[in-house]
Amino acid sequence: MEVAQEYNLLGQKLGPKGRQVRDRLLAAARGLMASQPMSAPTLTAVTAAADVRLTSVYRYYADAGALYIAAMEPLRAQMAPLIALLKQRWRKGAEYAEALRFAEQHFSYWRDRRGALFLRNSLAEGGDVRFIALRTEWAFPLYRALAEKLAAAHGRAVGEDDMAIAGVVLSGMERTATLALQHWEEEGHASHSAVLRHAGKQQAAVARIVTTLLRQDYLES
């Protein structure tokens, strides 16, 4: 099977050395997002961690934002288990337990990737159209999966109202996870048990909301 040839921004073919440099930049960016989740890694910090020259970045990425986007890309595929959980058939009468499992896994996804997700959302809210698009593209499959589950519970194809309800639920989950994890970072280790306890209460609340939406048709009210 023929492998597609890769090129850098100067139009040069990427050989083993070029791929190595690019991969080191990506690994360094990911590492800094994880270790310093409350701040955007600078290109100086990334290149120092990657042990490459600052000028090397511009062979592969137009600016820091382009590097961040490439470094974040694996996180998109890592949402697959969340989407799969929504697409599974939930046991009749056990909707609350299933919804709670989804809420817990959603929080875990955020907790384990908070540096990259904080950065993505911060740049989107700052008006960078690339990150606005990235945030929307990542969110849509999850919104769609929840909307389809809610609509199916009431025997209909998914519609705009179902998507709107799913959007409200998931936006709220994202926001509460963000605030909890920012507190986690700002207050340090001493706050972790309190953050997890509060997050657990929020996850239970989400599970109750989703269970109600599954059992009662919100379009009839």
Protein backbone atom coordinates (compact mmCIF):
# COMPACT_ATOMS: atom_id res chain seq x y z
CA MET A 1 0.00 0.00 0.00
CA GLU A 2 1.46 3.32 -1.07
CA VAL A 3 1.94 5.90 1.71
CA ALA A 4 1.01 9.49 0.86
CA GLN A 5 4.04 11.77 0.72
CA GLU A 6 4.13 14.54 3.33
CA TYR A 7 5.57 18.01 2.82
CA ASN A 8 6.49 20.84 5.16
CA LEU A 9 5.34 24.43 4.68
CA LEU A 10 8.35 25.15 2.48
CA GLY A 11 7.22 22.46 0.04
CA GLN A 12 10.01 20.11 1.04
CA LYS A 13 9.35 16.39 1.32
CA LEU A 14 9.36 15.12 4.88
CA GLY A 15 12.00 12.52 5.50
CA PRO A 16 12.62 10.60 8.75
CA LYS A 17 14.44 13.55 10.34
CA GLY A 18 11.69 16.01 9.44
CA ARG A 19 9.00 13.72 10.84
CA GLN A 20 11.04 13.30 14.01
CA VAL A 21 11.30 17.06 14.51
CA ARG A 22 7.59 17.54 13.86
CA ASP A 23 6.67 14.73 16.24
CA ARG A 24 8.91 16.15 18.95
CA LEU A 25 7.19 19.53 18.61
CA LEU A 26 3.76 17.89 18.93
CA ALA A 27 4.83 15.80 21.92
CA ALA A 28 6.34 18.86 23.62
CA ALA A 29 3.18 20.93 23.04
CA ARG A 30 0.99 18.15 24.45
CA GLY A 31 3.27 17.74 27.44
CA LEU A 32 3.17 21.44 28.28
CA MET A 33 -0.62 21.59 27.90
CA ALA A 34 -0.87 18.72 30.38
CA SER A 35 1.67 20.04 32.90
CA GLN A 36 0.61 23.72 32.76
CA PRO A 37 -3.13 23.56 32.06
CA MET A 38 -3.92 27.13 33.06
CA SER A 39 -1.65 28.79 30.48
CA ALA A 40 -0.94 28.54 26.77
CA PRO A 41 2.49 27.08 26.03
CA THR A 42 4.72 29.56 24.24
CA LEU A 43 6.65 28.56 21.15
CA THR A 44 9.85 29.27 23.08
CA ALA A 45 8.79 26.78 25.75
CA VAL A 46 7.69 24.20 23.18
CA THR A 47 10.92 24.34 21.21
CA ALA A 48 12.99 24.20 24.39
CA ALA A 49 11.09 21.10 25.53
CA ALA A 50 11.46 19.57 22.05
CA ASP A 51 15.13 20.53 21.89
CA VAL A 52 14.79 22.15 18.47
CA ARG A 53 15.38 25.67 17.19
CA LEU A 54 12.52 28.15 17.30
CA THR A 55 12.80 28.69 13.55
CA SER A 56 12.11 24.99 13.01
CA VAL A 57 8.48 25.48 14.04
CA TYR A 58 7.76 27.54 10.94
CA ARG A 59 8.81 24.73 8.64
CA TYR A 60 5.75 22.79 9.86
CA TYR A 61 3.28 25.27 11.35
CA ALA A 62 2.31 28.81 10.37
CA ASP A 63 1.96 29.94 13.98
CA ALA A 64 1.39 28.72 17.53
CA GLY A 65 -2.32 28.19 16.87
CA ALA A 66 -1.64 25.80 14.00
CA LEU A 67 0.74 23.82 16.23
CA TYR A 68 -1.86 23.69 19.02
CA ILE A 69 -4.52 22.40 16.62
CA ALA A 70 -2.26 19.63 15.36
CA ALA A 71 -1.29 18.70 18.92
CA MET A 72 -4.95 18.54 19.99
CA GLU A 73 -6.14 16.41 17.07
CA PRO A 74 -5.89 13.02 18.87
CA LEU A 75 -8.38 14.28 21.47
CA ARG A 76 -11.13 14.25 18.85
CA ALA A 77 -10.87 10.49 18.34
CA GLN A 78 -10.70 9.99 22.10
CA MET A 79 -14.31 11.17 22.33
CA ALA A 80 -15.40 7.96 20.58
CA PRO A 81 -16.18 6.04 23.81
CA LEU A 82 -18.52 8.83 24.96
CA ILE A 83 -20.37 8.80 21.64
CA ALA A 84 -20.50 4.99 21.68
CA LEU A 85 -22.00 5.04 25.17
CA LEU A 86 -24.84 7.26 23.97
CA LYS A 87 -25.42 5.05 20.93
CA GLN A 88 -25.74 1.91 23.05
CA ARG A 89 -29.19 0.65 23.97
CA TRP A 90 -29.79 1.67 27.56
CA ARG A 91 -31.56 -0.82 29.79
CA LYS A 92 -35.23 -0.10 30.38
CA GLY A 93 -35.72 1.10 33.93
CA ALA A 94 -31.97 1.73 34.35
CA GLU A 95 -31.81 5.07 32.55
CA TYR A 96 -30.49 6.89 35.61
CA ALA A 97 -27.58 4.47 36.07
CA GLU A 98 -26.71 4.68 32.37
CA ALA A 99 -26.95 8.48 32.32
CA LEU A 100 -24.78 8.69 35.43
CA ARG A 101 -22.17 6.50 33.76
CA PHE A 102 -22.16 8.87 30.79
CA ALA A 103 -21.85 11.95 33.05
CA GLU A 104 -18.97 10.38 34.98
CA GLN A 105 -17.10 9.44 31.80
CA HIS A 106 -17.67 12.91 30.35
CA PHE A 107 -16.11 14.49 33.45
CA SER A 108 -13.19 12.04 33.28
CA TYR A 109 -12.60 12.96 29.64
CA TRP A 110 -12.39 16.62 30.66
CA ARG A 111 -10.26 16.00 33.76
CA ASP A 112 -7.67 13.96 31.87
CA ARG A 113 -7.38 16.44 28.97
CA ARG A 114 -8.13 19.70 30.75
CA GLY A 115 -5.04 21.58 29.60
CA ALA A 116 -5.79 21.14 25.90
CA LEU A 117 -9.53 21.71 26.36
CA PHE A 118 -9.01 24.85 28.47
CA LEU A 119 -6.69 26.20 25.76
CA ARG A 120 -9.06 25.29 22.92
CA ASN A 121 -11.99 27.03 24.60
CA SER A 122 -9.97 30.05 25.69
CA LEU A 123 -8.78 30.69 22.14
CA ALA A 124 -12.28 30.10 20.75
CA GLU A 125 -13.78 32.56 23.24
CA GLY A 126 -11.01 35.01 22.33
CA GLY A 127 -12.33 35.02 18.76
CA ASP A 128 -9.86 32.78 16.92
CA VAL A 129 -12.07 31.39 14.16
CA ARG A 130 -9.96 28.23 13.85
CA PHE A 131 -10.67 27.27 17.44
CA ILE A 132 -14.33 28.29 17.19
CA ALA A 133 -14.62 25.85 14.27
CA LEU A 134 -12.62 23.19 16.12
CA ARG A 135 -14.85 23.45 19.18
CA THR A 136 -17.99 23.15 17.04
CA GLU A 137 -16.65 20.22 14.99
CA TRP A 138 -15.71 18.29 18.12
CA ALA A 139 -19.00 18.97 19.87
CA PHE A 140 -21.40 18.11 17.04
CA PRO A 141 -21.08 14.27 17.04
CA LEU A 142 -21.69 14.19 20.81
CA TYR A 143 -24.64 16.60 20.57
CA ARG A 144 -26.08 14.55 17.74
CA ALA A 145 -25.72 11.26 19.63
CA LEU A 146 -27.52 12.63 22.70
CA ALA A 147 -30.24 14.22 20.54
CA GLU A 148 -30.80 10.92 18.74
CA LYS A 149 -31.10 9.05 22.04
CA LEU A 150 -33.63 11.54 23.39
CA ALA A 151 -35.67 11.54 20.18
CA ALA A 152 -35.64 7.75 19.91
CA ALA A 153 -36.98 7.47 23.47
CA HIS A 154 -40.09 9.25 22.21
CA GLY A 155 -40.39 7.39 18.92
CA ARG A 156 -39.36 10.08 16.49
CA ALA A 157 -36.49 11.06 14.22
CA VAL A 158 -34.13 13.65 15.65
CA GLY A 159 -35.19 17.25 15.04
CA GLU A 160 -34.04 20.78 15.81
CA ASP A 161 -35.71 20.79 19.23
CA ASP A 162 -33.91 17.58 20.22
CA MET A 163 -30.60 19.07 19.10
CA ALA A 164 -31.33 22.23 21.10
CA ILE A 165 -32.09 20.25 24.26
CA ALA A 166 -28.95 18.14 23.80
CA GLY A 167 -26.92 21.30 23.29
CA VAL A 168 -28.20 22.83 26.53
CA VAL A 169 -27.42 19.67 28.51
CA LEU A 170 -23.93 19.17 27.09
CA SER A 171 -23.00 22.86 27.25
CA GLY A 172 -23.95 22.82 30.91
CA MET A 173 -21.85 19.70 31.50
CA GLU A 174 -18.87 21.28 29.78
CA ARG A 175 -19.21 24.50 31.74
CA THR A 176 -19.52 22.83 35.15
CA ALA A 177 -16.55 20.56 34.39
CA THR A 178 -14.50 23.60 33.36
CA LEU A 179 -15.28 25.54 36.54
CA ALA A 180 -14.62 22.52 38.77
CA LEU A 181 -11.29 21.75 37.13
CA GLN A 182 -10.18 25.38 37.13
CA HIS A 183 -10.80 25.37 40.89
CA TRP A 184 -8.82 22.10 41.06
CA GLU A 185 -5.84 23.85 39.44
CA GLU A 186 -6.09 27.14 41.30
CA GLU A 187 -6.48 25.72 44.80
CA GLY A 188 -4.05 22.84 44.49
CA HIS A 189 -4.04 19.32 45.90
CA ALA A 190 -5.95 20.25 49.06
CA SER A 191 -9.05 21.03 46.99
CA HIS A 192 -9.13 17.79 45.00
CA SER A 193 -11.39 15.74 47.25
CA ALA A 194 -13.84 18.63 47.56
CA VAL A 195 -13.81 19.17 43.78
CA LEU A 196 -14.46 15.49 43.11
CA ARG A 197 -17.25 15.39 45.69
CA HIS A 198 -18.92 18.46 44.16
CA ALA A 199 -18.41 17.09 40.65
CA GLY A 200 -20.12 13.87 41.72
CA LYS A 201 -23.18 15.83 42.83
CA GLN A 202 -23.22 17.64 39.48
CA GLN A 203 -22.98 14.35 37.61
CA ALA A 204 -25.90 12.96 39.60
CA ALA A 205 -27.90 16.08 38.75
CA VAL A 206 -27.13 15.65 35.05
CA ALA A 207 -28.19 12.01 35.25
CA ARG A 208 -31.52 13.01 36.79
CA ILE A 209 -32.09 15.61 34.06
CA VAL A 210 -31.29 13.17 31.25
CA THR A 211 -33.46 10.49 32.84
CA THR A 212 -36.39 12.92 33.00
CA LEU A 213 -35.86 13.91 29.36
CA LEU A 214 -35.88 10.25 28.35
CA ARG A 215 -39.04 9.42 30.28
CA GLN A 216 -41.06 12.57 29.67
CA ASP A 217 -41.50 14.08 26.22
CA TYR A 218 -40.26 17.66 26.56
CA LEU A 219 -42.02 18.62 23.29
CA GLU A 220 -45.44 18.04 24.85
CA SER A 221 -45.02 20.59 27.62
